[in-house]
C-alpha atoms as a PDB file:
ATOM      1  CA  MET A   1     248.845 -20.983  83.000  1.00  0.00           C
ATOM      2  CA  LEU A   2     245.389 -22.472  83.482  1.00  0.00           C
ATOM      3  CA  ALA A   3     243.737 -18.744  83.820  1.00  0.00           C
ATOM      4  CA  PRO A   4     244.270 -17.644  80.180  1.00  0.00           C
ATOM      5  CA  PHE A   5     242.824 -20.865  78.827  1.00  0.00           C
ATOM      6  CA  ALA A   6     239.826 -20.671  81.064  1.00  0.00           C
ATOM      7  CA  THR A   7     239.252 -17.139  80.032  1.00  0.00           C
ATOM      8  CA  LEU A   8     239.518 -18.065  76.448  1.00  0.00           C
ATOM      9  CA  ALA A   9     237.164 -20.877  76.885  1.00  0.00           C
ATOM     10  CA  PHE A  10     234.690 -18.619  78.708  1.00  0.00           C
ATOM     11  CA  LEU A  11     234.742 -16.043  76.002  1.00  0.00           C
ATOM     12  CA  LEU A  12     234.313 -18.692  73.306  1.00  0.00           C
ATOM     13  CA  VAL A  13     231.241 -20.049  74.999  1.00  0.00           C
ATOM     14  CA  LEU A  14     229.892 -16.479  75.598  1.00  0.00           C
ATOM     15  CA  TRP A  15     230.423 -15.771  71.868  1.00  0.00           C
ATOM     16  CA  LEU A  16     228.873 -18.794  70.883  1.00  0.00           C
ATOM     17  CA  ALA A  17     225.843 -18.338  72.928  1.00  0.00           C
ATOM     18  CA  ALA A  18     225.529 -14.887  71.471  1.00  0.00           C
ATOM     19  CA  VAL A  19     225.615 -16.164  67.966  1.00  0.00           C
ATOM     20  CA  VAL A  20     222.815 -18.837  68.948  1.00  0.00           C
ATOM     21  CA  VAL A  21     220.568 -16.047  70.392  1.00  0.00           C
ATOM     22  CA  ALA A  22     221.227 -13.850  67.305  1.00  0.00           C
ATOM     23  CA  GLN A  23     220.305 -16.708  65.054  1.00  0.00           C
ATOM     24  CA  ILE A  24     216.996 -17.407  66.913  1.00  0.00           C
ATOM     25  CA  LEU A  25     216.103 -13.725  66.896  1.00  0.00           C
ATOM     26  CA  SER A  26     216.695 -13.398  63.255  1.00  0.00           C
ATOM     27  CA  HIS A  27     214.141 -16.029  62.493  1.00  0.00           C
ATOM     28  CA  SER A  28     211.513 -14.568  64.940  1.00  0.00           C
ATOM     29  CA  LYS A  29     212.128 -10.915  64.259  1.00  0.00           C
ATOM     30  CA  SER A  30     209.018 -10.648  62.248  1.00  0.00           C
ATOM     31  CA  ARG A  31     206.857 -12.220  64.887  1.00  0.00           C
ATOM     32  CA  ILE A  32     208.372 -10.028  67.500  1.00  0.00           C
ATOM     33  CA  ALA A  33     207.601  -6.858  65.404  1.00  0.00           C
ATOM     34  CA  MET A  34     204.108  -8.062  64.692  1.00  0.00           C
ATOM     35  CA  ALA A  35     203.469  -8.389  68.434  1.00  0.00           C
ATOM     36  CA  LEU A  36     204.941  -4.952  69.168  1.00  0.00           C
ATOM     37  CA  ARG A  37     202.519  -3.563  66.642  1.00  0.00           C
ATOM     38  CA  GLY A  38     199.738  -5.422  68.115  1.00  0.00           C
ATOM     39  CA  GLU A  39     198.922  -7.554  65.124  1.00  0.00           C
ATOM     40  CA  GLU A  40     197.632 -11.146  65.436  1.00  0.00           C
ATOM     41  CA  PRO A  41     200.052 -13.827  64.287  1.00  0.00           C
ATOM     42  CA  ALA A  42     199.023 -15.917  61.146  1.00  0.00           C
ATOM     43  CA  LYS A  43     197.534 -19.172  62.088  1.00  0.00           C
ATOM     44  CA  VAL A  44     199.615 -22.037  60.922  1.00  0.00           C
ATOM     45  CA  GLY A  45     198.389 -25.536  61.045  1.00  0.00           C
ATOM     46  CA  ILE A  46     195.733 -27.319  63.057  1.00  0.00           C
ATOM     47  CA  SER A  47     196.243 -28.068  66.765  1.00  0.00           C
ATOM     48  CA  LEU A  48     196.042 -31.739  67.698  1.00  0.00           C
ATOM     49  CA  VAL A  49     193.759 -32.661  70.559  1.00  0.00           C
ATOM     50  CA  ILE A  50     194.649 -35.842  72.423  1.00  0.00           C
ATOM     51  CA  ARG A  51     191.857 -37.262  74.655  1.00  0.00           C
ATOM     52  CA  SER A  52     192.824 -39.715  77.316  1.00  0.00           C
ATOM     53  CA  ARG A  53     191.072 -41.462  79.996  1.00  0.00           C
ATOM     54  CA  PRO A  54     192.245 -40.882  83.691  1.00  0.00           C
ATOM     55  CA  SER A  55     194.457 -43.729  85.111  1.00  0.00           C
ATOM     56  CA  ARG A  56     193.339 -46.012  87.680  1.00  0.00           C
ATOM     57  CA  ALA A  57     196.761 -45.994  89.374  1.00  0.00           C
ATOM     58  CA  ARG A  58     195.538 -44.141  92.322  1.00  0.00           C
ATOM     59  CA  ALA A  59     192.525 -46.359  92.914  1.00  0.00           C
ATOM     60  CA  SER A  60     194.209 -48.784  95.203  1.00  0.00           C
ATOM     61  CA  LEU A  61     195.618 -46.658  97.984  1.00  0.00           C
ATOM     62  CA  ARG A  62     197.619 -48.569 100.696  1.00  0.00           C
ATOM     63  CA  GLN A  63     196.885 -48.252 104.324  1.00  0.00           C
ATOM     64  CA  PRO A  64     199.606 -46.832 106.425  1.00  0.00           C
ATOM     65  CA  MET A  65     201.781 -49.426 108.091  1.00  0.00           C
ATOM     66  CA  ARG A  66     201.508 -49.543 111.874  1.00  0.00           C
ATOM     67  CA  ALA A  67     204.883 -49.917 113.865  1.00  0.00           C
ATOM     68  CA  GLN A  68     205.065 -53.227 115.680  1.00  0.00           C
ATOM     69  CA  PRO A  69     207.030 -53.844 118.824  1.00  0.00           C
ATOM     70  CA  GLN A  70     210.026 -55.710 117.083  1.00  0.00           C
ATOM     71  CA  LEU A  71     210.369 -52.906 114.495  1.00  0.00           C
ATOM     72  CA  ARG A  72     210.497 -50.115 117.237  1.00  0.00           C
ATOM     73  CA  ALA A  73     213.114 -52.235 119.189  1.00  0.00           C
ATOM     74  CA  ALA A  74     215.286 -52.410 115.845  1.00  0.00           C
ATOM     75  CA  ALA A  75     215.039 -48.617 115.472  1.00  0.00           C
END
C-alpha cells in the first residue's frame, strides 16, 4: 500500500522540479539566446568592490605539544 503513495510523491516532486526549471528558463531565455548568438549581455548596474585587510588570526601559531611520559602511559 505504501508503493503507490511513494510513486505518487516521487512523480509530484519530479513535476514540481520541472515546473521550477521551466520557470527559471523562461526568465533567462533571452540571455541564453544572446549567448548562443555570440552577443554581449547588457551591463546592468555597477559592481561593488569591498576591500578588506587580511586578518591577523594566523599570526600567533602555537608550537606542537610534546608528549610527556604520563600522557604516553595513559594512552
